[in-house]
Full PDB file with SEQRES, HELIX, SHEET, SSBOND, CRYST1, ORIGX, SCALE, CONECT and MASTER records, all heavy atoms in Angstrom:
SEQRES   1 A   39  VAL ASP VAL ASP TYR GLN THR PHE GLU VAL ILE ASN GLU          
SEQRES   2 A   39  HIS PHE ALA LYS ASP LYS ASN LYS VAL TYR LEU LEU LYS          
SEQRES   3 A   39  SER PHE SER LEU ILE ALA SER ASP ILE ASP PRO VAL THR          
SHEET    1 AA1 3 PHE A  15  LYS A  17  0                                        
SHEET    2 AA1 3 VAL A  22  LEU A  25 -1                                        
SHEET    3 AA1 3 LEU A  30  ALA A  32 -1                                        
CRYST1    1.000    1.000    1.000  90.00  90.00  90.00 P 1           1          
ORIGX1      1.000000  0.000000  0.000000        0.00000                         
ORIGX2      0.000000  1.000000  0.000000        0.00000                         
ORIGX3      0.000000  0.000000  1.000000        0.00000                         
SCALE1      1.000000  0.000000  0.000000        0.00000                         
SCALE2      0.000000  1.000000  0.000000        0.00000                         
SCALE3      0.000000  0.000000  1.000000        0.00000                         
ATOM      1  N   VAL A   1     -40.109 -59.524  72.129  1.00  0.00           N  
ATOM      2  CA  VAL A   1     -39.135 -59.566  71.041  1.00  0.00           C  
ATOM      3  C   VAL A   1     -38.207 -60.758  71.235  1.00  0.00           C  
ATOM      4  O   VAL A   1     -37.861 -61.128  72.360  1.00  0.00           O  
ATOM      5  CB  VAL A   1     -38.328 -58.254  70.958  1.00  0.00           C  
ATOM      6  CG1 VAL A   1     -39.231 -57.105  70.528  1.00  0.00           C  
ATOM      7  CG2 VAL A   1     -37.656 -57.921  72.287  1.00  0.00           C  
ATOM      8  N   ASP A   2     -37.813 -61.343  70.118  1.00  0.00           N  
ATOM      9  CA  ASP A   2     -36.967 -62.543  70.138  1.00  0.00           C  
ATOM     10  C   ASP A   2     -35.501 -62.125  70.139  1.00  0.00           C  
ATOM     11  O   ASP A   2     -34.878 -61.976  69.077  1.00  0.00           O  
ATOM     12  CB  ASP A   2     -37.289 -63.417  68.919  1.00  0.00           C  
ATOM     13  CG  ASP A   2     -36.521 -64.726  68.938  1.00  0.00           C  
ATOM     14  OD1 ASP A   2     -36.027 -65.112  70.022  1.00  0.00           O  
ATOM     15  OD2 ASP A   2     -36.411 -65.356  67.872  1.00  0.00           O  
ATOM     16  N   VAL A   3     -34.942 -61.913  71.317  1.00  0.00           N  
ATOM     17  CA  VAL A   3     -33.547 -61.506  71.473  1.00  0.00           C  
ATOM     18  C   VAL A   3     -32.907 -62.352  72.577  1.00  0.00           C  
ATOM     19  O   VAL A   3     -33.591 -63.037  73.329  1.00  0.00           O  
ATOM     20  CB  VAL A   3     -33.436 -60.007  71.825  1.00  0.00           C  
ATOM     21  CG1 VAL A   3     -34.007 -59.146  70.710  1.00  0.00           C  
ATOM     22  CG2 VAL A   3     -34.149 -59.698  73.151  1.00  0.00           C  
ATOM     23  N   ASP A   4     -31.572 -62.276  72.651  1.00  0.00           N  
ATOM     24  CA  ASP A   4     -30.878 -62.963  73.731  1.00  0.00           C  
ATOM     25  C   ASP A   4     -31.012 -62.126  75.004  1.00  0.00           C  
ATOM     26  O   ASP A   4     -30.463 -61.024  75.102  1.00  0.00           O  
ATOM     27  CB  ASP A   4     -29.401 -63.152  73.371  1.00  0.00           C  
ATOM     28  CG  ASP A   4     -28.642 -63.862  74.482  1.00  0.00           C  
ATOM     29  OD1 ASP A   4     -28.855 -65.060  74.674  1.00  0.00           O  
ATOM     30  OD2 ASP A   4     -27.856 -63.183  75.186  1.00  0.00           O  
ATOM     31  N   TYR A   5     -31.732 -62.655  75.970  1.00  0.00           N  
ATOM     32  CA  TYR A   5     -32.102 -61.887  77.161  1.00  0.00           C  
ATOM     33  C   TYR A   5     -30.882 -61.413  77.947  1.00  0.00           C  
ATOM     34  O   TYR A   5     -30.834 -60.271  78.425  1.00  0.00           O  
ATOM     35  CB  TYR A   5     -32.997 -62.740  78.058  1.00  0.00           C  
ATOM     36  CG  TYR A   5     -33.530 -62.011  79.273  1.00  0.00           C  
ATOM     37  CD1 TYR A   5     -34.647 -61.194  79.171  1.00  0.00           C  
ATOM     38  CD2 TYR A   5     -32.908 -62.136  80.511  1.00  0.00           C  
ATOM     39  CE1 TYR A   5     -35.146 -60.511  80.272  1.00  0.00           C  
ATOM     40  CE2 TYR A   5     -33.391 -61.463  81.625  1.00  0.00           C  
ATOM     41  CZ  TYR A   5     -34.503 -60.650  81.507  1.00  0.00           C  
ATOM     42  OH  TYR A   5     -34.988 -59.977  82.601  1.00  0.00           O  
ATOM     43  N   GLN A   6     -29.894 -62.268  78.097  1.00  0.00           N  
ATOM     44  CA  GLN A   6     -28.760 -61.953  78.960  1.00  0.00           C  
ATOM     45  C   GLN A   6     -27.872 -60.846  78.395  1.00  0.00           C  
ATOM     46  O   GLN A   6     -27.273 -60.078  79.151  1.00  0.00           O  
ATOM     47  CB  GLN A   6     -27.919 -63.212  79.203  1.00  0.00           C  
ATOM     48  CG  GLN A   6     -28.668 -64.334  79.916  1.00  0.00           C  
ATOM     49  CD  GLN A   6     -29.188 -63.908  81.276  1.00  0.00           C  
ATOM     50  OE1 GLN A   6     -28.540 -63.129  81.983  1.00  0.00           O  
ATOM     51  NE2 GLN A   6     -30.354 -64.408  81.658  1.00  0.00           N  
ATOM     52  N   THR A   7     -27.774 -60.737  77.073  1.00  0.00           N  
ATOM     53  CA  THR A   7     -26.847 -59.760  76.476  1.00  0.00           C  
ATOM     54  C   THR A   7     -27.545 -58.589  75.798  1.00  0.00           C  
ATOM     55  O   THR A   7     -26.884 -57.701  75.263  1.00  0.00           O  
ATOM     56  CB  THR A   7     -25.943 -60.457  75.440  1.00  0.00           C  
ATOM     57  OG1 THR A   7     -26.757 -61.021  74.388  1.00  0.00           O  
ATOM     58  CG2 THR A   7     -25.130 -61.560  76.104  1.00  0.00           C  
ATOM     59  N   PHE A   8     -28.864 -58.585  75.837  1.00  0.00           N  
ATOM     60  CA  PHE A   8     -29.589 -57.536  75.113  1.00  0.00           C  
ATOM     61  C   PHE A   8     -29.425 -56.171  75.769  1.00  0.00           C  
ATOM     62  O   PHE A   8     -29.440 -56.040  76.999  1.00  0.00           O  
ATOM     63  CB  PHE A   8     -31.078 -57.874  75.049  1.00  0.00           C  
ATOM     64  CG  PHE A   8     -31.889 -56.863  74.293  1.00  0.00           C  
ATOM     65  CD1 PHE A   8     -31.889 -56.835  72.918  1.00  0.00           C  
ATOM     66  CD2 PHE A   8     -32.642 -55.901  74.968  1.00  0.00           C  
ATOM     67  CE1 PHE A   8     -32.634 -55.891  72.217  1.00  0.00           C  
ATOM     68  CE2 PHE A   8     -33.391 -54.958  74.285  1.00  0.00           C  
ATOM     69  CZ  PHE A   8     -33.376 -54.956  72.901  1.00  0.00           C  
ATOM     70  N   GLU A   9     -29.284 -55.135  74.927  1.00  0.00           N  
ATOM     71  CA  GLU A   9     -29.240 -53.748  75.409  1.00  0.00           C  
ATOM     72  C   GLU A   9     -29.751 -52.805  74.332  1.00  0.00           C  
ATOM     73  O   GLU A   9     -29.599 -53.055  73.134  1.00  0.00           O  
ATOM     74  CB  GLU A   9     -27.818 -53.345  75.816  1.00  0.00           C  
ATOM     75  CG  GLU A   9     -26.803 -53.363  74.684  1.00  0.00           C  
ATOM     76  CD  GLU A   9     -25.439 -52.852  75.114  1.00  0.00           C  
ATOM     77  OE1 GLU A   9     -25.332 -51.658  75.476  1.00  0.00           O  
ATOM     78  OE2 GLU A   9     -24.487 -53.663  75.089  1.00  0.00           O  
ATOM     79  N   VAL A  10     -30.367 -51.731  74.754  1.00  0.00           N  
ATOM     80  CA  VAL A  10     -30.806 -50.679  73.832  1.00  0.00           C  
ATOM     81  C   VAL A  10     -29.655 -49.689  73.685  1.00  0.00           C  
ATOM     82  O   VAL A  10     -29.138 -49.178  74.676  1.00  0.00           O  
ATOM     83  CB  VAL A  10     -32.061 -49.967  74.370  1.00  0.00           C  
ATOM     84  CG1 VAL A  10     -32.473 -48.842  73.423  1.00  0.00           C  
ATOM     85  CG2 VAL A  10     -33.200 -50.959  74.544  1.00  0.00           C  
ATOM     86  N   ILE A  11     -29.231 -49.443  72.425  1.00  0.00           N  
ATOM     87  CA  ILE A  11     -28.099 -48.541  72.185  1.00  0.00           C  
ATOM     88  C   ILE A  11     -28.559 -47.096  72.178  1.00  0.00           C  
ATOM     89  O   ILE A  11     -27.998 -46.247  72.868  1.00  0.00           O  
ATOM     90  CB  ILE A  11     -27.401 -48.890  70.855  1.00  0.00           C  
ATOM     91  CG1 ILE A  11     -26.957 -50.357  70.845  1.00  0.00           C  
ATOM     92  CG2 ILE A  11     -26.213 -47.968  70.636  1.00  0.00           C  
ATOM     93  CD1 ILE A  11     -26.370 -50.807  69.520  1.00  0.00           C  
ATOM     94  N   ASN A  12     -29.563 -46.795  71.380  1.00  0.00           N  
ATOM     95  CA  ASN A  12     -30.125 -45.428  71.328  1.00  0.00           C  
ATOM     96  C   ASN A  12     -31.557 -45.518  70.814  1.00  0.00           C  
ATOM     97  O   ASN A  12     -32.164 -46.592  70.834  1.00  0.00           O  
ATOM     98  CB  ASN A  12     -29.250 -44.491  70.487  1.00  0.00           C  
ATOM     99  CG  ASN A  12     -29.139 -44.922  69.034  1.00  0.00           C  
ATOM    100  OD1 ASN A  12     -29.889 -45.765  68.544  1.00  0.00           O  
ATOM    101  ND2 ASN A  12     -28.183 -44.358  68.320  1.00  0.00           N  
ATOM    102  N   GLU A  13     -32.099 -44.435  70.340  1.00  0.00           N  
ATOM    103  CA  GLU A  13     -33.507 -44.412  69.932  1.00  0.00           C  
ATOM    104  C   GLU A  13     -33.790 -45.231  68.682  1.00  0.00           C  
ATOM    105  O   GLU A  13     -34.947 -45.517  68.387  1.00  0.00           O  
ATOM    106  CB  GLU A  13     -33.953 -42.965  69.714  1.00  0.00           C  
ATOM    107  CG  GLU A  13     -33.980 -42.129  70.986  1.00  0.00           C  
ATOM    108  CD  GLU A  13     -34.400 -40.693  70.733  1.00  0.00           C  
ATOM    109  OE1 GLU A  13     -34.625 -40.349  69.547  1.00  0.00           O  
ATOM    110  OE2 GLU A  13     -34.494 -39.919  71.706  1.00  0.00           O  
ATOM    111  N   HIS A  14     -32.734 -45.609  67.935  1.00  0.00           N  
ATOM    112  CA  HIS A  14     -32.943 -46.292  66.661  1.00  0.00           C  
ATOM    113  C   HIS A  14     -32.287 -47.672  66.569  1.00  0.00           C  
ATOM    114  O   HIS A  14     -32.533 -48.396  65.601  1.00  0.00           O  
ATOM    115  CB  HIS A  14     -32.420 -45.417  65.515  1.00  0.00           C  
ATOM    116  CG  HIS A  14     -33.084 -44.082  65.425  1.00  0.00           C  
ATOM    117  ND1 HIS A  14     -34.313 -43.901  64.849  1.00  0.00           N  
ATOM    118  CD2 HIS A  14     -32.695 -42.857  65.864  1.00  0.00           C  
ATOM    119  CE1 HIS A  14     -34.658 -42.627  64.930  1.00  0.00           C  
ATOM    120  NE2 HIS A  14     -33.699 -41.978  65.545  1.00  0.00           N  
ATOM    121  N   PHE A  15     -31.470 -48.029  67.555  1.00  0.00           N  
ATOM    122  CA  PHE A  15     -30.739 -49.289  67.483  1.00  0.00           C  
ATOM    123  C   PHE A  15     -30.709 -49.992  68.838  1.00  0.00           C  
ATOM    124  O   PHE A  15     -30.704 -49.350  69.891  1.00  0.00           O  
ATOM    125  CB  PHE A  15     -29.288 -49.044  67.039  1.00  0.00           C  
ATOM    126  CG  PHE A  15     -29.135 -48.450  65.671  1.00  0.00           C  
ATOM    127  CD1 PHE A  15     -29.111 -47.065  65.501  1.00  0.00           C  
ATOM    128  CD2 PHE A  15     -29.010 -49.262  64.554  1.00  0.00           C  
ATOM    129  CE1 PHE A  15     -28.959 -46.506  64.237  1.00  0.00           C  
ATOM    130  CE2 PHE A  15     -28.863 -48.708  63.284  1.00  0.00           C  
ATOM    131  CZ  PHE A  15     -28.834 -47.335  63.125  1.00  0.00           C  
ATOM    132  N   ALA A  16     -30.670 -51.325  68.783  1.00  0.00           N  
ATOM    133  CA  ALA A  16     -30.461 -52.159  69.965  1.00  0.00           C  
ATOM    134  C   ALA A  16     -29.605 -53.346  69.525  1.00  0.00           C  
ATOM    135  O   ALA A  16     -29.431 -53.599  68.330  1.00  0.00           O  
ATOM    136  CB  ALA A  16     -31.793 -52.621  70.546  1.00  0.00           C  
ATOM    137  N   LYS A  17     -29.072 -54.106  70.492  1.00  0.00           N  
ATOM    138  CA  LYS A  17     -28.237 -55.246  70.113  1.00  0.00           C  
ATOM    139  C   LYS A  17     -28.223 -56.302  71.207  1.00  0.00           C  
ATOM    140  O   LYS A  17     -28.549 -56.046  72.365  1.00  0.00           O  
ATOM    141  CB  LYS A  17     -26.810 -54.784  69.826  1.00  0.00           C  
ATOM    142  CG  LYS A  17     -25.996 -54.396  71.057  1.00  0.00           C  
ATOM    143  CD  LYS A  17     -24.547 -54.124  70.688  1.00  0.00           C  
ATOM    144  CE  LYS A  17     -23.699 -53.833  71.937  1.00  0.00           C  
ATOM    145  NZ  LYS A  17     -22.269 -53.661  71.601  1.00  0.00           N  
ATOM    146  N   ASP A  18     -27.853 -57.520  70.809  1.00  0.00           N  
ATOM    147  CA  ASP A  18     -27.478 -58.571  71.740  1.00  0.00           C  
ATOM    148  C   ASP A  18     -26.189 -59.185  71.197  1.00  0.00           C  
ATOM    149  O   ASP A  18     -25.553 -58.620  70.294  1.00  0.00           O  
ATOM    150  CB  ASP A  18     -28.607 -59.590  71.925  1.00  0.00           C  
ATOM    151  CG  ASP A  18     -28.995 -60.301  70.640  1.00  0.00           C  
ATOM    152  OD1 ASP A  18     -28.210 -60.278  69.664  1.00  0.00           O  
ATOM    153  OD2 ASP A  18     -30.086 -60.886  70.591  1.00  0.00           O  
ATOM    154  N   LYS A  19     -25.778 -60.340  71.717  1.00  0.00           N  
ATOM    155  CA  LYS A  19     -24.509 -60.930  71.292  1.00  0.00           C  
ATOM    156  C   LYS A  19     -24.537 -61.401  69.834  1.00  0.00           C  
ATOM    157  O   LYS A  19     -23.483 -61.627  69.226  1.00  0.00           O  
ATOM    158  CB  LYS A  19     -24.154 -62.101  72.199  1.00  0.00           C  
ATOM    159  CG  LYS A  19     -25.092 -63.293  72.071  1.00  0.00           C  
ATOM    160  CD  LYS A  19     -24.650 -64.451  72.956  1.00  0.00           C  
ATOM    161  CE  LYS A  19     -25.556 -65.676  72.761  1.00  0.00           C  
ATOM    162  NZ  LYS A  19     -25.125 -66.801  73.587  1.00  0.00           N  
ATOM    163  N   ASN A  20     -25.743 -61.528  69.281  1.00  0.00           N  
ATOM    164  CA  ASN A  20     -25.876 -62.096  67.939  1.00  0.00           C  
ATOM    165  C   ASN A  20     -26.128 -61.067  66.842  1.00  0.00           C  
ATOM    166  O   ASN A  20     -25.650 -61.237  65.717  1.00  0.00           O  
ATOM    167  CB  ASN A  20     -27.022 -63.110  67.923  1.00  0.00           C  
ATOM    168  CG  ASN A  20     -26.822 -64.218  68.929  1.00  0.00           C  
ATOM    169  OD1 ASN A  20     -25.747 -64.816  69.008  1.00  0.00           O  
ATOM    170  ND2 ASN A  20     -27.858 -64.494  69.725  1.00  0.00           N  
ATOM    171  N   LYS A  21     -26.880 -60.023  67.167  1.00  0.00           N  
ATOM    172  CA  LYS A  21     -27.340 -59.109  66.124  1.00  0.00           C  
ATOM    173  C   LYS A  21     -27.442 -57.675  66.637  1.00  0.00           C  
ATOM    174  O   LYS A  21     -27.587 -57.433  67.835  1.00  0.00           O  
ATOM    175  CB  LYS A  21     -28.730 -59.528  65.614  1.00  0.00           C  
ATOM    176  CG  LYS A  21     -28.763 -60.782  64.756  1.00  0.00           C  
ATOM    177  CD  LYS A  21     -28.195 -60.512  63.359  1.00  0.00           C  
ATOM    178  CE  LYS A  21     -28.302 -61.726  62.469  1.00  0.00           C  
ATOM    179  NZ  LYS A  21     -27.774 -61.464  61.110  1.00  0.00           N  
ATOM    180  N   VAL A  22     -27.404 -56.737  65.682  1.00  0.00           N  
ATOM    181  CA  VAL A  22     -27.815 -55.363  65.941  1.00  0.00           C  
ATOM    182  C   VAL A  22     -29.181 -55.193  65.288  1.00  0.00           C  
ATOM    183  O   VAL A  22     -29.394 -55.616  64.139  1.00  0.00           O  
ATOM    184  CB  VAL A  22     -26.813 -54.338  65.357  1.00  0.00           C  
ATOM    185  CG1 VAL A  22     -27.373 -52.913  65.487  1.00  0.00           C  
ATOM    186  CG2 VAL A  22     -25.480 -54.442  66.078  1.00  0.00           C  
ATOM    187  N   TYR A  23     -30.109 -54.588  66.026  1.00  0.00           N  
ATOM    188  CA  TYR A  23     -31.496 -54.483  65.563  1.00  0.00           C  
ATOM    189  C   TYR A  23     -31.856 -53.025  65.273  1.00  0.00           C  
ATOM    190  O   TYR A  23     -31.474 -52.113  66.017  1.00  0.00           O  
ATOM    191  CB  TYR A  23     -32.454 -55.048  66.612  1.00  0.00           C  
ATOM    192  CG  TYR A  23     -32.129 -56.466  67.009  1.00  0.00           C  
ATOM    193  CD1 TYR A  23     -31.324 -56.734  68.117  1.00  0.00           C  
ATOM    194  CD2 TYR A  23     -32.620 -57.537  66.270  1.00  0.00           C  
ATOM    195  CE1 TYR A  23     -31.014 -58.035  68.473  1.00  0.00           C  
ATOM    196  CE2 TYR A  23     -32.318 -58.852  66.622  1.00  0.00           C  
ATOM    197  CZ  TYR A  23     -31.509 -59.091  67.732  1.00  0.00           C  
ATOM    198  OH  TYR A  23     -31.197 -60.381  68.081  1.00  0.00           O  
ATOM    199  N   LEU A  24     -32.607 -52.831  64.199  1.00  0.00           N  
ATOM    200  CA  LEU A  24     -33.137 -51.517  63.840  1.00  0.00           C  
ATOM    201  C   LEU A  24     -34.513 -51.391  64.468  1.00  0.00           C  
ATOM    202  O   LEU A  24     -35.342 -52.298  64.339  1.00  0.00           O  
ATOM    203  CB  LEU A  24     -33.230 -51.373  62.322  1.00  0.00           C  
ATOM    204  CG  LEU A  24     -32.035 -51.893  61.501  1.00  0.00           C  
ATOM    205  CD1 LEU A  24     -32.296 -51.713  60.006  1.00  0.00           C  
ATOM    206  CD2 LEU A  24     -30.745 -51.208  61.920  1.00  0.00           C  
ATOM    207  N   LEU A  25     -34.758 -50.274  65.123  1.00  0.00           N  
ATOM    208  CA  LEU A  25     -36.012 -50.111  65.858  1.00  0.00           C  
ATOM    209  C   LEU A  25     -37.039 -49.354  65.021  1.00  0.00           C  
ATOM    210  O   LEU A  25     -36.911 -48.151  64.787  1.00  0.00           O  
ATOM    211  CB  LEU A  25     -35.757 -49.351  67.165  1.00  0.00           C  
ATOM    212  CG  LEU A  25     -34.688 -49.951  68.097  1.00  0.00           C  
ATOM    213  CD1 LEU A  25     -34.608 -49.143  69.386  1.00  0.00           C  
ATOM    214  CD2 LEU A  25     -34.983 -51.406  68.394  1.00  0.00           C  
ATOM    215  N   LYS A  26     -38.051 -50.087  64.565  1.00  0.00           N  
ATOM    216  CA  LYS A  26     -39.208 -49.448  63.946  1.00  0.00           C  
ATOM    217  C   LYS A  26     -40.175 -49.051  65.061  1.00  0.00           C  
ATOM    218  O   LYS A  26     -39.895 -49.238  66.243  1.00  0.00           O  
ATOM    219  CB  LYS A  26     -39.853 -50.395  62.952  1.00  0.00           C  
ATOM    220  CG  LYS A  26     -38.953 -50.775  61.780  1.00  0.00           C  
ATOM    221  CD  LYS A  26     -39.688 -51.599  60.745  1.00  0.00           C  
ATOM    222  CE  LYS A  26     -40.820 -50.826  60.110  1.00  0.00           C  
ATOM    223  NZ  LYS A  26     -41.472 -51.530  58.984  1.00  0.00           N  
ATOM    224  N   SER A  27     -41.324 -48.546  64.692  1.00  0.00           N  
ATOM    225  CA  SER A  27     -42.272 -48.080  65.702  1.00  0.00           C  
ATOM    226  C   SER A  27     -42.751 -49.216  66.597  1.00  0.00           C  
ATOM    227  O   SER A  27     -42.901 -49.045  67.799  1.00  0.00           O  
ATOM    228  CB  SER A  27     -43.480 -47.412  65.038  1.00  0.00           C  
ATOM    229  OG  SER A  27     -43.076 -46.262  64.340  1.00  0.00           O  
ATOM    230  N   PHE A  28     -42.977 -50.407  66.010  1.00  0.00           N  
ATOM    231  CA  PHE A  28     -43.534 -51.506  66.789  1.00  0.00           C  
ATOM    232  C   PHE A  28     -42.863 -52.849  66.507  1.00  0.00           C  
ATOM    233  O   PHE A  28     -43.404 -53.883  66.869  1.00  0.00           O  
ATOM    234  CB  PHE A  28     -45.045 -51.618  66.529  1.00  0.00           C  
ATOM    235  CG  PHE A  28     -45.801 -50.389  66.912  1.00  0.00           C  
ATOM    236  CD1 PHE A  28     -46.174 -49.461  65.959  1.00  0.00           C  
ATOM    237  CD2 PHE A  28     -46.122 -50.148  68.237  1.00  0.00           C  
ATOM    238  CE1 PHE A  28     -46.871 -48.308  66.316  1.00  0.00           C  
ATOM    239  CE2 PHE A  28     -46.814 -48.998  68.599  1.00  0.00           C  
ATOM    240  CZ  PHE A  28     -47.185 -48.081  67.637  1.00  0.00           C  
ATOM    241  N   SER A  29     -41.699 -52.832  65.885  1.00  0.00           N  
ATOM    242  CA  SER A  29     -41.010 -54.083  65.596  1.00  0.00           C  
ATOM    243  C   SER A  29     -39.515 -53.844  65.439  1.00  0.00           C  
ATOM    244  O   SER A  29     -39.062 -52.698  65.320  1.00  0.00           O  
ATOM    245  CB  SER A  29     -41.574 -54.736  64.324  1.00  0.00           C  
ATOM    246  OG  SER A  29     -41.371 -53.893  63.204  1.00  0.00           O  
ATOM    247  N   LEU A  30     -38.751 -54.941  65.431  1.00  0.00           N  
ATOM    248  CA  LEU A  30     -37.307 -54.891  65.269  1.00  0.00           C  
ATOM    249  C   LEU A  30     -36.918 -55.532  63.942  1.00  0.00           C  
ATOM    250  O   LEU A  30     -37.524 -56.525  63.518  1.00  0.00           O  
ATOM    251  CB  LEU A  30     -36.606 -55.648  66.402  1.00  0.00           C  
ATOM    252  CG  LEU A  30     -36.353 -54.923  67.725  1.00  0.00           C  
ATOM    253  CD1 LEU A  30     -37.645 -54.436  68.364  1.00  0.00           C  
ATOM    254  CD2 LEU A  30     -35.597 -55.841  68.695  1.00  0.00           C  
ATOM    255  N   ILE A  31     -35.895 -54.985  63.290  1.00  0.00           N  
ATOM    256  CA  ILE A  31     -35.350 -55.566  62.071  1.00  0.00           C  
ATOM    257  C   ILE A  31     -33.903 -55.956  62.348  1.00  0.00           C  
ATOM    258  O   ILE A  31     -33.088 -55.113  62.757  1.00  0.00           O  
ATOM    259  CB  ILE A  31     -35.395 -54.571  60.892  1.00  0.00           C  
ATOM    260  CG1 ILE A  31     -36.817 -54.098  60.620  1.00  0.00           C  
ATOM    261  CG2 ILE A  31     -34.794 -55.203  59.643  1.00  0.00           C  
ATOM    262  CD1 ILE A  31     -36.896 -53.014  59.545  1.00  0.00           C  
ATOM    263  N   ALA A  32     -33.556 -57.227  62.144  1.00  0.00           N  
ATOM    264  CA  ALA A  32     -32.174 -57.672  62.332  1.00  0.00           C  
ATOM    265  C   ALA A  32     -31.310 -57.151  61.186  1.00  0.00           C  
ATOM    266  O   ALA A  32     -31.726 -57.143  60.026  1.00  0.00           O  
ATOM    267  CB  ALA A  32     -32.124 -59.196  62.391  1.00  0.00           C  
ATOM    268  N   SER A  33     -30.083 -56.703  61.516  1.00  0.00           N  
ATOM    269  CA  SER A  33     -29.184 -56.140  60.512  1.00  0.00           C  
ATOM    270  C   SER A  33     -27.863 -56.912  60.496  1.00  0.00           C  
ATOM    271  O   SER A  33     -27.642 -57.818  61.304  1.00  0.00           O  
ATOM    272  CB  SER A  33     -28.911 -54.667  60.814  1.00  0.00           C  
ATOM    273  OG  SER A  33     -28.021 -54.549  61.925  1.00  0.00           O  
ATOM    274  N   ASP A  34     -26.968 -56.530  59.585  1.00  0.00           N  
ATOM    275  CA  ASP A  34     -25.645 -57.147  59.484  1.00  0.00           C  
ATOM    276  C   ASP A  34     -24.562 -56.314  60.169  1.00  0.00           C  
ATOM    277  O   ASP A  34     -23.374 -56.584  60.004  1.00  0.00           O  
ATOM    278  CB  ASP A  34     -25.280 -57.343  58.006  1.00  0.00           C  
ATOM    279  CG  ASP A  34     -26.184 -58.366  57.321  1.00  0.00           C  
ATOM    280  OD1 ASP A  34     -26.599 -59.326  57.998  1.00  0.00           O  
ATOM    281  OD2 ASP A  34     -26.478 -58.185  56.128  1.00  0.00           O  
ATOM    282  N   ILE A  35     -24.951 -55.304  60.931  1.00  0.00           N  
ATOM    283  CA  ILE A  35     -23.982 -54.496  61.681  1.00  0.00           C  
ATOM    284  C   ILE A  35     -23.309 -55.384  62.727  1.00  0.00           C  
ATOM    285  O   ILE A  35     -23.941 -56.254  63.326  1.00  0.00           O  
ATOM    286  CB  ILE A  35     -24.694 -53.305  62.344  1.00  0.00           C  
ATOM    287  CG1 ILE A  35     -25.382 -52.430  61.288  1.00  0.00           C  
ATOM    288  CG2 ILE A  35     -23.719 -52.469  63.160  1.00  0.00           C  
ATOM    289  CD1 ILE A  35     -26.295 -51.364  61.865  1.00  0.00           C  
ATOM    290  N   ASP A  36     -22.012 -55.173  62.948  1.00  0.00           N  
ATOM    291  CA  ASP A  36     -21.264 -55.996  63.888  1.00  0.00           C  
ATOM    292  C   ASP A  36     -21.692 -55.710  65.330  1.00  0.00           C  
ATOM    293  O   ASP A  36     -21.454 -54.603  65.832  1.00  0.00           O  
ATOM    294  CB  ASP A  36     -19.766 -55.724  63.730  1.00  0.00           C  
ATOM    295  CG  ASP A  36     -18.941 -56.519  64.720  1.00  0.00           C  
ATOM    296  OD1 ASP A  36     -19.184 -57.729  64.857  1.00  0.00           O  
ATOM    297  OD2 ASP A  36     -18.072 -55.922  65.392  1.00  0.00           O  
ATOM    298  N   PRO A  37     -22.286 -56.693  66.015  1.00  0.00           N  
ATOM    299  CA  PRO A  37     -22.775 -56.444  67.374  1.00  0.00           C  
ATOM    300  C   PRO A  37     -21.663 -56.302  68.412  1.00  0.00           C  
ATOM    301  O   PRO A  37     -21.861 -55.679  69.451  1.00  0.00           O  
ATOM    302  CB  PRO A  37     -23.646 -57.673  67.667  1.00  0.00           C  
ATOM    303  CG  PRO A  37     -23.085 -58.751  66.809  1.00  0.00           C  
ATOM    304  CD  PRO A  37     -22.604 -58.068  65.565  1.00  0.00           C  
ATOM    305  N   VAL A  38     -20.495 -56.886  68.141  1.00  0.00           N  
ATOM    306  CA  VAL A  38     -19.402 -56.842  69.112  1.00  0.00           C  
ATOM    307  C   VAL A  38     -18.854 -55.430  69.263  1.00  0.00           C  
ATOM    308  O   VAL A  38     -18.603 -54.953  70.381  1.00  0.00           O  
ATOM    309  CB  VAL A  38     -18.277 -57.818  68.704  1.00  0.00           C  
ATOM    310  CG1 VAL A  38     -17.089 -57.697  69.673  1.00  0.00           C  
ATOM    311  CG2 VAL A  38     -18.794 -59.248  68.665  1.00  0.00           C  
ATOM    312  N   THR A  39     -18.707 -54.716  68.151  1.00  0.00           N  
ATOM    313  CA  THR A  39     -18.091 -53.384  68.199  1.00  0.00           C  
ATOM    314  C   THR A  39     -19.101 -52.241  68.101  1.00  0.00           C  
ATOM    315  O   THR A  39     -18.722 -51.077  68.227  1.00  0.00           O  
ATOM    316  CB  THR A  39     -17.070 -53.235  67.060  1.00  0.00           C  
ATOM    317  OG1 THR A  39     -17.727 -53.431  65.797  1.00  0.00           O  
ATOM    318  CG2 THR A  39     -15.952 -54.248  67.220  1.00  0.00           C  
TER     319      THR A  39                                                      
MASTER        0    0    0    0    3    0    0    6  318    1    0    3          
END                                                                             
């Protein structure tokens, strides 16, 4: 997956984030969203 390696973290079963984006977790891919990654 194309994410920032140093800041990436999995939030829960449906979301993950790095310093740039919050990602929606589909079964086999990620969708970038407009959710604020800082908060």
